């Protein structure tokens, strides 16, 4: 990570661009290193958190690290947004639009993993709302600003942070009932409790939410192209492989994993896990629309464009369109491009 982000062949200059990264509440998460990478190239970074005090602490760590490594980065802005609350999403978007007149880079990173069944105050299963629906709503509300930026300034790069869980065990999406306790999946996911811990249904809901990230990214690119924004909007999907983040520990605390810290040892660092996102958002040549990025070896390794997505459900355009319709209905917001 340290040498990769400093190599001009890997990341272009982002001076003058505004980047929004969701879910940056800890220095042990992907969002921290995604933000650090973008800020190191001159982007004005805005990070969202549920608790502003946590965000301010992360901002301090980020700015200290950037300065210590000799980067002259614009000040990082902390804004409150709760992915479990649609009203918070709407409030955040209004605040963002009052402060910024452009949005060049959007990284929908906030996420939770394999949690017990719970509904948010909006009445939706916590994983599908946190990982997908709130990002769908936020992106739709920010779309006029994104479109204006793309048409006035330069192309806009958007990535949804997915997971290998979108592939493993062949999850699908129950678009008729996003609150399904046990959404459909393939046979191999039944092994999850023995390999990881928790219950199959926890991982089925997580897989559904991460497949939703993939389907949303690809459908967004198709619709942007159809709306005449081809070459101006780059919608991609990314995954970190098995990156050692706070996510595994949080999942273990909620009963979804047996040994989060032990599982982390099979993968790579949190910093290296952020590189596929940085490649998708800022690589001078490999950043391309409608692509999937991840580590070369699947769970670890250097970032590559064209990561494998072996889940046939990920390539079903009718499923992506049905998810779009279901997401609009859930959020109460028409997302017209």
C-alpha atoms as a PDB file:
ATOM      1  CA  UNK A   1       0.000   0.000   0.000  1.00  0.00           C
ATOM      2  CA  UNK A   2       2.574   2.691   0.939  1.00  0.00           C
ATOM      3  CA  UNK A   3       4.581   2.263  -2.257  1.00  0.00           C
ATOM      4  CA  UNK A   4       1.522   1.623  -4.456  1.00  0.00           C
ATOM      5  CA  UNK A   5      -0.212   4.916  -3.633  1.00  0.00           C
ATOM      6  CA  UNK A   6       2.986   6.902  -4.138  1.00  0.00           C
ATOM      7  CA  UNK A   7       3.536   5.517  -7.652  1.00  0.00           C
ATOM      8  CA  UNK A   8       2.181   7.988 -10.226  1.00  0.00           C
ATOM      9  CA  UNK A   9       1.543   5.060 -12.574  1.00  0.00           C
ATOM     10  CA  UNK A  10      -1.100   3.797 -10.119  1.00  0.00           C
ATOM     11  CA  UNK A  11      -2.969   6.962  -9.102  1.00  0.00           C
ATOM     12  CA  UNK A  12      -3.625  10.143 -11.035  1.00  0.00           C
ATOM     13  CA  UNK A  13      -3.595  13.660  -9.646  1.00  0.00           C
ATOM     14  CA  UNK A  14      -6.932  14.449  -7.973  1.00  0.00           C
ATOM     15  CA  UNK A  15      -6.338  18.113  -7.129  1.00  0.00           C
ATOM     16  CA  UNK A  16      -9.587  20.076  -7.163  1.00  0.00           C
ATOM     17  CA  UNK A  17     -11.794  16.985  -7.041  1.00  0.00           C
ATOM     18  CA  UNK A  18     -14.297  16.249  -4.260  1.00  0.00           C
ATOM     19  CA  UNK A  19     -14.462  12.661  -2.973  1.00  0.00           C
ATOM     20  CA  UNK A  20     -17.143  11.187  -0.710  1.00  0.00           C
ATOM     21  CA  UNK A  21     -16.377   8.004   1.240  1.00  0.00           C
ATOM     22  CA  UNK A  22     -19.055   6.469   3.462  1.00  0.00           C
ATOM     23  CA  UNK A  23     -18.455   4.605   6.704  1.00  0.00           C
ATOM     24  CA  UNK A  24     -15.071   5.904   7.856  1.00  0.00           C
ATOM     25  CA  UNK A  25     -15.453   5.524  11.612  1.00  0.00           C
ATOM     26  CA  UNK A  26     -12.221   3.736  12.528  1.00  0.00           C
ATOM     27  CA  UNK A  27      -8.542   3.625  11.576  1.00  0.00           C
ATOM     28  CA  UNK A  28      -8.884  -0.172  11.224  1.00  0.00           C
ATOM     29  CA  UNK A  29     -11.376  -0.043   8.354  1.00  0.00           C
ATOM     30  CA  UNK A  30     -11.087   0.087   4.568  1.00  0.00           C
ATOM     31  CA  UNK A  31     -12.506   3.607   4.484  1.00  0.00           C
ATOM     32  CA  UNK A  32      -9.493   4.946   6.359  1.00  0.00           C
ATOM     33  CA  UNK A  33      -7.037   3.744   3.695  1.00  0.00           C
ATOM     34  CA  UNK A  34      -9.314   4.626   0.778  1.00  0.00           C
ATOM     35  CA  UNK A  35      -9.577   8.172   2.137  1.00  0.00           C
ATOM     36  CA  UNK A  36      -5.842   8.361   2.803  1.00  0.00           C
ATOM     37  CA  UNK A  37      -5.050   7.271  -0.750  1.00  0.00           C
ATOM     38  CA  UNK A  38      -7.441   9.742  -2.391  1.00  0.00           C
ATOM     39  CA  UNK A  39      -6.364  12.610  -0.113  1.00  0.00           C
ATOM     40  CA  UNK A  40      -2.695  11.864  -0.828  1.00  0.00           C
ATOM     41  CA  UNK A  41      -3.359  12.722  -4.486  1.00  0.00           C
ATOM     42  CA  UNK A  42      -5.030  16.016  -3.609  1.00  0.00           C
ATOM     43  CA  UNK A  43      -8.727  15.128  -3.424  1.00  0.00           C
ATOM     44  CA  UNK A  44     -10.923  17.031  -0.974  1.00  0.00           C
ATOM     45  CA  UNK A  45     -12.287  14.079   1.031  1.00  0.00           C
ATOM     46  CA  UNK A  46     -15.596  14.019   2.869  1.00  0.00           C
ATOM     47  CA  UNK A  47     -16.138  11.061   5.204  1.00  0.00           C
ATOM     48  CA  UNK A  48     -19.446   9.958   6.721  1.00  0.00           C
ATOM     49  CA  UNK A  49     -19.921   8.506  10.189  1.00  0.00           C
ATOM     50  CA  UNK A  50     -22.805   7.831  12.536  1.00  0.00           C
ATOM     51  CA  UNK A  51     -20.948   9.421  15.450  1.00  0.00           C
ATOM     52  CA  UNK A  52     -19.206  12.692  14.617  1.00  0.00           C
ATOM     53  CA  UNK A  53     -16.780  12.390  17.551  1.00  0.00           C
ATOM     54  CA  UNK A  54     -15.499   9.105  16.115  1.00  0.00           C
ATOM     55  CA  UNK A  55     -15.160  10.733  12.709  1.00  0.00           C
ATOM     56  CA  UNK A  56     -13.189  13.645  14.124  1.00  0.00           C
ATOM     57  CA  UNK A  57     -10.777  11.208  15.796  1.00  0.00           C
ATOM     58  CA  UNK A  58     -10.296   9.375  12.480  1.00  0.00           C
ATOM     59  CA  UNK A  59      -9.809  12.696  10.678  1.00  0.00           C
ATOM     60  CA  UNK A  60      -7.048  13.605  13.122  1.00  0.00           C
ATOM     61  CA  UNK A  61      -5.316  10.253  12.565  1.00  0.00           C
ATOM     62  CA  UNK A  62      -5.627  10.601   8.785  1.00  0.00           C
ATOM     63  CA  UNK A  63      -4.269  14.137   8.654  1.00  0.00           C
ATOM     64  CA  UNK A  64      -1.409  13.257  11.016  1.00  0.00           C
ATOM     65  CA  UNK A  65      -0.459  10.244   8.871  1.00  0.00           C
ATOM     66  CA  UNK A  66      -0.668  12.223   5.618  1.00  0.00           C
ATOM     67  CA  UNK A  67       1.483  15.033   7.002  1.00  0.00           C
ATOM     68  CA  UNK A  68       4.051  12.593   8.439  1.00  0.00           C
ATOM     69  CA  UNK A  69       4.412  10.974   5.009  1.00  0.00           C
ATOM     70  CA  UNK A  70       4.921  14.299   3.277  1.00  0.00           C
ATOM     71  CA  UNK A  71       1.539  14.627   1.560  1.00  0.00           C
ATOM     72  CA  UNK A  72      -0.026  18.072   1.245  1.00  0.00           C
ATOM     73  CA  UNK A  73      -3.693  17.073   1.420  1.00  0.00           C
ATOM     74  CA  UNK A  74      -6.749  19.344   1.705  1.00  0.00           C
ATOM     75  CA  UNK A  75      -8.462  19.277   5.111  1.00  0.00           C
ATOM     76  CA  UNK A  76     -10.746  16.257   5.543  1.00  0.00           C
ATOM     77  CA  UNK A  77     -14.409  16.992   6.262  1.00  0.00           C
ATOM     78  CA  UNK A  78     -16.491  14.857   8.643  1.00  0.00           C
ATOM     79  CA  UNK A  79     -20.256  14.644   8.123  1.00  0.00           C
ATOM     80  CA  UNK A  80     -22.889  12.666   9.969  1.00  0.00           C
ATOM     81  CA  UNK A  81     -24.869   9.970   8.167  1.00  0.00           C
ATOM     82  CA  UNK A  82     -26.533   6.866   9.573  1.00  0.00           C
ATOM     83  CA  UNK A  83     -27.061   4.095   7.019  1.00  0.00           C
ATOM     84  CA  UNK A  84     -29.763   2.607   9.264  1.00  0.00           C
ATOM     85  CA  UNK A  85     -31.943   5.714   8.908  1.00  0.00           C
ATOM     86  CA  UNK A  86     -33.321   7.017   5.595  1.00  0.00           C
ATOM     87  CA  UNK A  87     -34.112  10.395   7.186  1.00  0.00           C
ATOM     88  CA  UNK A  88     -30.427  10.718   8.109  1.00  0.00           C
ATOM     89  CA  UNK A  89     -29.470   9.986   4.488  1.00  0.00           C
ATOM     90  CA  UNK A  90     -31.786  12.730   3.236  1.00  0.00           C
ATOM     91  CA  UNK A  91     -30.508  15.200   5.816  1.00  0.00           C
ATOM     92  CA  UNK A  92     -26.896  14.406   4.931  1.00  0.00           C
ATOM     93  CA  UNK A  93     -27.501  14.967   1.210  1.00  0.00           C
ATOM     94  CA  UNK A  94     -29.027  18.395   1.868  1.00  0.00           C
ATOM     95  CA  UNK A  95     -26.027  19.319   4.035  1.00  0.00           C
ATOM     96  CA  UNK A  96     -23.593  18.040   1.428  1.00  0.00           C
ATOM     97  CA  UNK A  97     -25.243  20.000  -1.393  1.00  0.00           C
ATOM     98  CA  UNK A  98     -25.144  23.168   0.692  1.00  0.00           C
ATOM     99  CA  UNK A  99     -21.362  22.816   1.122  1.00  0.00           C
ATOM    100  CA  UNK A 100     -20.187  21.428  -2.226  1.00  0.00           C
ATOM    101  CA  UNK A 101     -21.021  22.269  -5.827  1.00  0.00           C
ATOM    102  CA  UNK A 102     -19.429  19.141  -7.304  1.00  0.00           C
ATOM    103  CA  UNK A 103     -18.881  15.439  -6.563  1.00  0.00           C
ATOM    104  CA  UNK A 104     -16.178  13.712  -8.601  1.00  0.00           C
ATOM    105  CA  UNK A 105     -15.605  10.495  -6.648  1.00  0.00           C
ATOM    106  CA  UNK A 106     -18.110   8.431  -4.676  1.00  0.00           C
ATOM    107  CA  UNK A 107     -17.100   5.349  -2.688  1.00  0.00           C
ATOM    108  CA  UNK A 108     -20.056   3.545  -1.105  1.00  0.00           C
ATOM    109  CA  UNK A 109     -18.027   1.743   1.528  1.00  0.00           C
ATOM    110  CA  UNK A 110     -20.108   1.600   4.745  1.00  0.00           C
ATOM    111  CA  UNK A 111     -21.102  -1.923   5.665  1.00  0.00           C
ATOM    112  CA  UNK A 112     -21.969  -4.542   8.264  1.00  0.00           C
ATOM    113  CA  UNK A 113     -21.564  -8.318   8.045  1.00  0.00           C
ATOM    114  CA  UNK A 114     -23.492 -11.430   9.109  1.00  0.00           C
ATOM    115  CA  UNK A 115     -25.565  -9.800  11.850  1.00  0.00           C
ATOM    116  CA  UNK A 116     -28.550 -11.339  13.669  1.00  0.00           C
ATOM    117  CA  UNK A 117     -31.938 -10.593  12.110  1.00  0.00           C
ATOM    118  CA  UNK A 118     -33.041  -7.071  12.964  1.00  0.00           C
ATOM    119  CA  UNK A 119     -35.168  -4.407  11.303  1.00  0.00           C
ATOM    120  CA  UNK A 120     -34.181  -0.736  11.190  1.00  0.00           C
ATOM    121  CA  UNK A 121     -36.522   2.098  12.174  1.00  0.00           C
ATOM    122  CA  UNK A 122     -37.466   2.217   8.471  1.00  0.00           C
ATOM    123  CA  UNK A 123     -38.602  -1.395   8.644  1.00  0.00           C
ATOM    124  CA  UNK A 124     -35.836  -3.027   6.606  1.00  0.00           C
ATOM    125  CA  UNK A 125     -33.381  -5.792   7.462  1.00  0.00           C
ATOM    126  CA  UNK A 126     -30.257  -4.144   8.837  1.00  0.00           C
ATOM    127  CA  UNK A 127     -27.778  -5.613   6.332  1.00  0.00           C
ATOM    128  CA  UNK A 128     -29.760  -4.855   3.168  1.00  0.00           C
ATOM    129  CA  UNK A 129     -30.426  -1.291   4.349  1.00  0.00           C
ATOM    130  CA  UNK A 130     -26.900  -0.513   5.600  1.00  0.00           C
ATOM    131  CA  UNK A 131     -25.033  -2.131   2.739  1.00  0.00           C
ATOM    132  CA  UNK A 132     -27.332  -1.389  -0.202  1.00  0.00           C
ATOM    133  CA  UNK A 133     -30.571   0.562   0.241  1.00  0.00           C
ATOM    134  CA  UNK A 134     -29.094   3.609   1.974  1.00  0.00           C
ATOM    135  CA  UNK A 135     -26.340   3.854  -0.634  1.00  0.00           C
ATOM    136  CA  UNK A 136     -28.943   3.529  -3.385  1.00  0.00           C
ATOM    137  CA  UNK A 137     -30.993   6.327  -1.825  1.00  0.00           C
ATOM    138  CA  UNK A 138     -27.982   8.575  -1.250  1.00  0.00           C
ATOM    139  CA  UNK A 139     -26.702   8.078  -4.798  1.00  0.00           C
ATOM    140  CA  UNK A 140     -30.129   8.837  -6.251  1.00  0.00           C
ATOM    141  CA  UNK A 141     -30.463  12.060  -4.206  1.00  0.00           C
ATOM    142  CA  UNK A 142     -26.934  13.131  -5.177  1.00  0.00           C
ATOM    143  CA  UNK A 143     -27.472  12.256  -8.849  1.00  0.00           C
ATOM    144  CA  UNK A 144     -28.264  15.810 -10.077  1.00  0.00           C
ATOM    145  CA  UNK A 145     -24.946  16.974  -8.557  1.00  0.00           C
ATOM    146  CA  UNK A 146     -23.088  13.941  -9.956  1.00  0.00           C
ATOM    147  CA  UNK A 147     -24.562  14.555 -13.421  1.00  0.00           C
ATOM    148  CA  UNK A 148     -23.699  18.254 -13.300  1.00  0.00           C
ATOM    149  CA  UNK A 149     -20.118  17.438 -12.293  1.00  0.00           C
ATOM    150  CA  UNK A 150     -19.774  14.910 -15.109  1.00  0.00           C
ATOM    151  CA  UNK A 151     -21.109  17.334 -17.700  1.00  0.00           C
ATOM    152  CA  UNK A 152     -19.337  20.467 -16.425  1.00  0.00           C
ATOM    153  CA  UNK A 153     -15.985  19.277 -15.097  1.00  0.00           C
ATOM    154  CA  UNK A 154     -14.886  15.747 -15.930  1.00  0.00           C
ATOM    155  CA  UNK A 155     -15.907  12.131 -15.552  1.00  0.00           C
ATOM    156  CA  UNK A 156     -17.283  10.955 -12.204  1.00  0.00           C
ATOM    157  CA  UNK A 157     -16.058   7.679 -10.677  1.00  0.00           C
ATOM    158  CA  UNK A 158     -18.446   5.701  -8.453  1.00  0.00           C
ATOM    159  CA  UNK A 159     -17.714   2.372  -6.791  1.00  0.00           C
ATOM    160  CA  UNK A 160     -19.801   0.057  -4.630  1.00  0.00           C
ATOM    161  CA  UNK A 161     -17.676  -1.897  -2.153  1.00  0.00           C
ATOM    162  CA  UNK A 162     -18.897  -5.479  -2.418  1.00  0.00           C
ATOM    163  CA  UNK A 163     -17.333  -8.715  -1.160  1.00  0.00           C
ATOM    164  CA  UNK A 164     -16.380 -12.215  -2.216  1.00  0.00           C
ATOM    165  CA  UNK A 165     -19.565 -13.062  -0.318  1.00  0.00           C
ATOM    166  CA  UNK A 166     -21.397 -11.901  -3.446  1.00  0.00           C
ATOM    167  CA  UNK A 167     -19.954 -15.009  -5.109  1.00  0.00           C
ATOM    168  CA  UNK A 168     -19.296 -17.663  -2.464  1.00  0.00           C
ATOM    169  CA  UNK A 169     -22.277 -19.904  -1.825  1.00  0.00           C
ATOM    170  CA  UNK A 170     -24.096 -18.425  -4.851  1.00  0.00           C
ATOM    171  CA  UNK A 171     -26.386 -15.955  -3.043  1.00  0.00           C
ATOM    172  CA  UNK A 172     -29.324 -14.342  -4.802  1.00  0.00           C
ATOM    173  CA  UNK A 173     -31.668 -11.433  -4.009  1.00  0.00           C
ATOM    174  CA  UNK A 174     -35.298 -11.840  -3.005  1.00  0.00           C
ATOM    175  CA  UNK A 175     -36.545  -8.708  -4.766  1.00  0.00           C
ATOM    176  CA  UNK A 176     -40.138  -9.430  -3.717  1.00  0.00           C
ATOM    177  CA  UNK A 177     -39.174  -9.478  -0.030  1.00  0.00           C
ATOM    178  CA  UNK A 178     -35.926  -7.717   0.903  1.00  0.00           C
ATOM    179  CA  UNK A 179     -36.670  -8.629   4.537  1.00  0.00           C
ATOM    180  CA  UNK A 180     -36.537 -12.363   3.878  1.00  0.00           C
ATOM    181  CA  UNK A 181     -34.843 -13.947   6.904  1.00  0.00           C
ATOM    182  CA  UNK A 182     -33.249 -16.579   4.688  1.00  0.00           C
ATOM    183  CA  UNK A 183     -32.924 -15.338   1.101  1.00  0.00           C
ATOM    184  CA  UNK A 184     -32.100 -17.891  -1.617  1.00  0.00           C
ATOM    185  CA  UNK A 185     -28.582 -19.219  -2.168  1.00  0.00           C
ATOM    186  CA  UNK A 186     -26.653 -22.248  -3.370  1.00  0.00           C
ATOM    187  CA  UNK A 187     -25.882 -25.462  -1.503  1.00  0.00           C
ATOM    188  CA  UNK A 188     -22.351 -24.557  -0.397  1.00  0.00           C
ATOM    189  CA  UNK A 189     -23.475 -21.656   1.795  1.00  0.00           C
ATOM    190  CA  UNK A 190     -24.843 -24.218   4.254  1.00  0.00           C
ATOM    191  CA  UNK A 191     -21.191 -24.839   5.193  1.00  0.00           C
ATOM    192  CA  UNK A 192     -20.758 -21.249   6.433  1.00  0.00           C
ATOM    193  CA  UNK A 193     -21.587 -21.967  10.125  1.00  0.00           C
ATOM    194  CA  UNK A 194     -18.944 -24.735  10.177  1.00  0.00           C
ATOM    195  CA  UNK A 195     -16.276 -22.685   8.395  1.00  0.00           C
ATOM    196  CA  UNK A 196     -16.987 -19.207   9.791  1.00  0.00           C
ATOM    197  CA  UNK A 197     -19.533 -19.481  12.590  1.00  0.00           C
ATOM    198  CA  UNK A 198     -22.946 -17.911  13.025  1.00  0.00           C
ATOM    199  CA  UNK A 199     -25.975 -19.228  11.149  1.00  0.00           C
ATOM    200  CA  UNK A 200     -26.502 -19.846   7.438  1.00  0.00           C
ATOM    201  CA  UNK A 201     -29.283 -17.261   7.292  1.00  0.00           C
ATOM    202  CA  UNK A 202     -26.938 -14.518   8.585  1.00  0.00           C
ATOM    203  CA  UNK A 203     -24.520 -15.205   5.731  1.00  0.00           C
ATOM    204  CA  UNK A 204     -27.349 -15.538   3.210  1.00  0.00           C
ATOM    205  CA  UNK A 205     -28.556 -12.036   4.119  1.00  0.00           C
ATOM    206  CA  UNK A 206     -25.000 -10.712   3.920  1.00  0.00           C
ATOM    207  CA  UNK A 207     -24.457 -12.386   0.551  1.00  0.00           C
ATOM    208  CA  UNK A 208     -27.729 -10.914  -0.693  1.00  0.00           C
ATOM    209  CA  UNK A 209     -26.643  -7.407   0.341  1.00  0.00           C
ATOM    210  CA  UNK A 210     -23.205  -7.769  -1.279  1.00  0.00           C
ATOM    211  CA  UNK A 211     -24.680  -9.183  -4.492  1.00  0.00           C
ATOM    212  CA  UNK A 212     -26.999  -6.153  -4.433  1.00  0.00           C
ATOM    213  CA  UNK A 213     -23.895  -3.918  -4.483  1.00  0.00           C
ATOM    214  CA  UNK A 214     -22.694  -5.711  -7.607  1.00  0.00           C
ATOM    215  CA  UNK A 215     -26.070  -5.615  -9.371  1.00  0.00           C
ATOM    216  CA  UNK A 216     -26.590  -1.933  -8.517  1.00  0.00           C
ATOM    217  CA  UNK A 217     -23.167  -0.916  -9.860  1.00  0.00           C
ATOM    218  CA  UNK A 218     -23.689  -2.681 -13.180  1.00  0.00           C
ATOM    219  CA  UNK A 219     -27.264  -1.474 -13.620  1.00  0.00           C
ATOM    220  CA  UNK A 220     -26.192   2.088 -12.782  1.00  0.00           C
ATOM    221  CA  UNK A 221     -23.611   1.954 -15.585  1.00  0.00           C
ATOM    222  CA  UNK A 222     -26.151   0.606 -18.082  1.00  0.00           C
ATOM    223  CA  UNK A 223     -28.662   3.321 -17.187  1.00  0.00           C
ATOM    224  CA  UNK A 224     -26.050   6.094 -17.209  1.00  0.00           C
ATOM    225  CA  UNK A 225     -24.935   5.022 -20.687  1.00  0.00           C
ATOM    226  CA  UNK A 226     -28.551   4.897 -21.880  1.00  0.00           C
ATOM    227  CA  UNK A 227     -29.082   8.422 -20.477  1.00  0.00           C
ATOM    228  CA  UNK A 228     -26.303   9.780 -22.700  1.00  0.00           C
ATOM    229  CA  UNK A 229     -23.602   9.823 -20.010  1.00  0.00           C
ATOM    230  CA  UNK A 230     -21.336   7.219 -21.589  1.00  0.00           C
ATOM    231  CA  UNK A 231     -17.733   8.221 -21.013  1.00  0.00           C
ATOM    232  CA  UNK A 232     -18.801  10.655 -18.284  1.00  0.00           C
ATOM    233  CA  UNK A 233     -19.875   8.249 -15.538  1.00  0.00           C
ATOM    234  CA  UNK A 234     -17.738   5.308 -14.419  1.00  0.00           C
ATOM    235  CA  UNK A 235     -19.740   2.967 -12.195  1.00  0.00           C
ATOM    236  CA  UNK A 236     -17.680   0.069 -10.861  1.00  0.00           C
ATOM    237  CA  UNK A 237     -17.818  -2.582  -8.178  1.00  0.00           C
ATOM    238  CA  UNK A 238     -14.927  -3.604  -5.951  1.00  0.00           C
ATOM    239  CA  UNK A 239     -14.052  -6.081  -3.239  1.00  0.00           C
ATOM    240  CA  UNK A 240     -11.140  -6.102  -0.774  1.00  0.00           C
ATOM    241  CA  UNK A 241     -10.583  -9.847  -0.625  1.00  0.00           C
ATOM    242  CA  UNK A 242     -10.035 -11.013   2.924  1.00  0.00           C
ATOM    243  CA  UNK A 243      -8.757  -7.808   4.498  1.00  0.00           C
ATOM    244  CA  UNK A 244      -8.018  -7.632   8.212  1.00  0.00           C
ATOM    245  CA  UNK A 245     -10.491  -4.940   9.293  1.00  0.00           C
ATOM    246  CA  UNK A 246     -12.708  -4.136  12.257  1.00  0.00           C
ATOM    247  CA  UNK A 247     -15.549  -5.874  10.356  1.00  0.00           C
ATOM    248  CA  UNK A 248     -14.567  -9.416  11.381  1.00  0.00           C
ATOM    249  CA  UNK A 249     -14.259  -8.405  15.035  1.00  0.00           C
ATOM    250  CA  UNK A 250     -17.638  -6.607  15.012  1.00  0.00           C
ATOM    251  CA  UNK A 251     -19.248  -9.660  13.390  1.00  0.00           C
ATOM    252  CA  UNK A 252     -17.758 -11.969  16.029  1.00  0.00           C
ATOM    253  CA  UNK A 253     -19.101  -9.738  18.795  1.00  0.00           C
ATOM    254  CA  UNK A 254     -22.598 -10.105  17.291  1.00  0.00           C
ATOM    255  CA  UNK A 255     -22.352 -13.894  17.021  1.00  0.00           C
ATOM    256  CA  UNK A 256     -21.718 -14.157  13.282  1.00  0.00           C
ATOM    257  CA  UNK A 257     -18.136 -15.503  13.463  1.00  0.00           C
ATOM    258  CA  UNK A 258     -16.289 -17.818  15.806  1.00  0.00           C
ATOM    259  CA  UNK A 259     -12.766 -16.437  15.449  1.00  0.00           C
ATOM    260  CA  UNK A 260     -12.600 -13.113  13.606  1.00  0.00           C
ATOM    261  CA  UNK A 261      -8.966 -12.439  14.498  1.00  0.00           C
ATOM    262  CA  UNK A 262      -7.916 -15.935  13.438  1.00  0.00           C
ATOM    263  CA  UNK A 263      -9.793 -15.636  10.151  1.00  0.00           C
ATOM    264  CA  UNK A 264      -8.006 -12.355   9.408  1.00  0.00           C
ATOM    265  CA  UNK A 265      -4.657 -14.183   9.307  1.00  0.00           C
ATOM    266  CA  UNK A 266      -5.691 -15.983   6.096  1.00  0.00           C
ATOM    267  CA  UNK A 267      -5.866 -12.738   4.142  1.00  0.00           C
ATOM    268  CA  UNK A 268      -3.935  -9.504   3.803  1.00  0.00           C
ATOM    269  CA  UNK A 269      -3.771  -6.135   5.538  1.00  0.00           C
ATOM    270  CA  UNK A 270      -6.607  -3.646   5.663  1.00  0.00           C
ATOM    271  CA  UNK A 271      -4.412  -1.185   3.738  1.00  0.00           C
ATOM    272  CA  UNK A 272      -3.804  -3.660   0.907  1.00  0.00           C
ATOM    273  CA  UNK A 273      -7.516  -4.493   0.883  1.00  0.00           C
ATOM    274  CA  UNK A 274      -8.264  -0.872  -0.037  1.00  0.00           C
ATOM    275  CA  UNK A 275      -6.187  -0.960  -3.241  1.00  0.00           C
ATOM    276  CA  UNK A 276      -8.900  -2.379  -5.544  1.00  0.00           C
ATOM    277  CA  UNK A 277     -11.106   0.605  -4.599  1.00  0.00           C
ATOM    278  CA  UNK A 278      -8.279   3.061  -5.273  1.00  0.00           C
ATOM    279  CA  UNK A 279      -7.587   1.392  -8.623  1.00  0.00           C
ATOM    280  CA  UNK A 280     -11.255   1.629  -9.616  1.00  0.00           C
ATOM    281  CA  UNK A 281     -11.535   5.263  -8.568  1.00  0.00           C
ATOM    282  CA  UNK A 282      -8.201   6.794  -9.515  1.00  0.00           C
ATOM    283  CA  UNK A 283      -5.983   4.619 -11.723  1.00  0.00           C
ATOM    284  CA  UNK A 284      -4.897   6.540 -14.847  1.00  0.00           C
ATOM    285  CA  UNK A 285      -5.641   3.652 -17.235  1.00  0.00           C
ATOM    286  CA  UNK A 286      -7.264   0.718 -15.406  1.00  0.00           C
ATOM    287  CA  UNK A 287     -10.175   2.737 -13.986  1.00  0.00           C
ATOM    288  CA  UNK A 288     -12.962   1.807 -16.415  1.00  0.00           C
ATOM    289  CA  UNK A 289     -16.790   1.697 -16.442  1.00  0.00           C
ATOM    290  CA  UNK A 290     -18.696  -1.466 -15.585  1.00  0.00           C
ATOM    291  CA  UNK A 291     -15.650  -3.322 -14.256  1.00  0.00           C
ATOM    292  CA  UNK A 292     -15.062  -5.476 -11.163  1.00  0.00           C
ATOM    293  CA  UNK A 293     -11.862  -5.014  -9.135  1.00  0.00           C
ATOM    294  CA  UNK A 294     -10.333  -7.174  -6.432  1.00  0.00           C
ATOM    295  CA  UNK A 295      -7.105  -8.837  -5.281  1.00  0.00           C
ATOM    296  CA  UNK A 296      -5.306 -10.986  -7.850  1.00  0.00           C
ATOM    297  CA  UNK A 297      -5.554 -14.182  -5.785  1.00  0.00           C
ATOM    298  CA  UNK A 298      -9.184 -13.639  -4.830  1.00  0.00           C
ATOM    299  CA  UNK A 299      -8.651 -13.284  -1.093  1.00  0.00           C
ATOM    300  CA  UNK A 300      -5.318 -11.420  -1.233  1.00  0.00           C
ATOM    301  CA  UNK A 301      -2.692 -10.046  -3.552  1.00  0.00           C
ATOM    302  CA  UNK A 302      -2.209  -6.917  -5.666  1.00  0.00           C
ATOM    303  CA  UNK A 303      -5.307  -5.243  -7.155  1.00  0.00           C
ATOM    304  CA  UNK A 304      -6.545  -6.206 -10.615  1.00  0.00           C
ATOM    305  CA  UNK A 305      -9.232  -5.076 -13.031  1.00  0.00           C
ATOM    306  CA  UNK A 306     -11.504  -7.902 -14.163  1.00  0.00           C
ATOM    307  CA  UNK A 307     -11.825  -9.805 -10.883  1.00  0.00           C
ATOM    308  CA  UNK A 308     -13.696 -13.099 -11.201  1.00  0.00           C
ATOM    309  CA  UNK A 309     -17.431 -13.075 -10.529  1.00  0.00           C
ATOM    310  CA  UNK A 310     -18.560 -16.698 -10.854  1.00  0.00           C
ATOM    311  CA  UNK A 311     -22.048 -16.199  -9.411  1.00  0.00           C
ATOM    312  CA  UNK A 312     -24.448 -16.482 -12.381  1.00  0.00           C
ATOM    313  CA  UNK A 313     -26.986 -14.345 -10.493  1.00  0.00           C
ATOM    314  CA  UNK A 314     -24.584 -11.377 -10.726  1.00  0.00           C
ATOM    315  CA  UNK A 315     -24.941 -11.353 -14.508  1.00  0.00           C
ATOM    316  CA  UNK A 316     -28.756 -11.462 -14.676  1.00  0.00           C
ATOM    317  CA  UNK A 317     -29.873  -8.101 -16.041  1.00  0.00           C
ATOM    318  CA  UNK A 318     -33.506  -8.854 -15.172  1.00  0.00           C
ATOM    319  CA  UNK A 319     -32.506  -9.413 -11.523  1.00  0.00           C
ATOM    320  CA  UNK A 320     -30.595  -6.103 -11.498  1.00  0.00           C
ATOM    321  CA  UNK A 321     -33.624  -4.282 -12.941  1.00  0.00           C
ATOM    322  CA  UNK A 322     -35.955  -5.930 -10.411  1.00  0.00           C
ATOM    323  CA  UNK A 323     -33.608  -4.910  -7.572  1.00  0.00           C
ATOM    324  CA  UNK A 324     -33.625  -1.318  -8.874  1.00  0.00           C
ATOM    325  CA  UNK A 325     -37.442  -1.274  -8.773  1.00  0.00           C
ATOM    326  CA  UNK A 326     -37.523  -2.878  -5.315  1.00  0.00           C
ATOM    327  CA  UNK A 327     -34.951  -0.373  -4.039  1.00  0.00           C
ATOM    328  CA  UNK A 328     -36.960   2.585  -5.333  1.00  0.00           C
ATOM    329  CA  UNK A 329     -40.050   1.223  -3.582  1.00  0.00           C
ATOM    330  CA  UNK A 330     -38.182   0.599  -0.317  1.00  0.00           C
ATOM    331  CA  UNK A 331     -36.582   4.063  -0.262  1.00  0.00           C
ATOM    332  CA  UNK A 332     -39.652   5.890  -1.519  1.00  0.00           C
ATOM    333  CA  UNK A 333     -37.514   7.618  -4.148  1.00  0.00           C
ATOM    334  CA  UNK A 334     -37.606   7.353  -7.931  1.00  0.00           C
ATOM    335  CA  UNK A 335     -34.022   7.127  -9.224  1.00  0.00           C
ATOM    336  CA  UNK A 336     -34.324   8.527 -12.743  1.00  0.00           C
ATOM    337  CA  UNK A 337     -31.144   9.258 -14.627  1.00  0.00           C
END
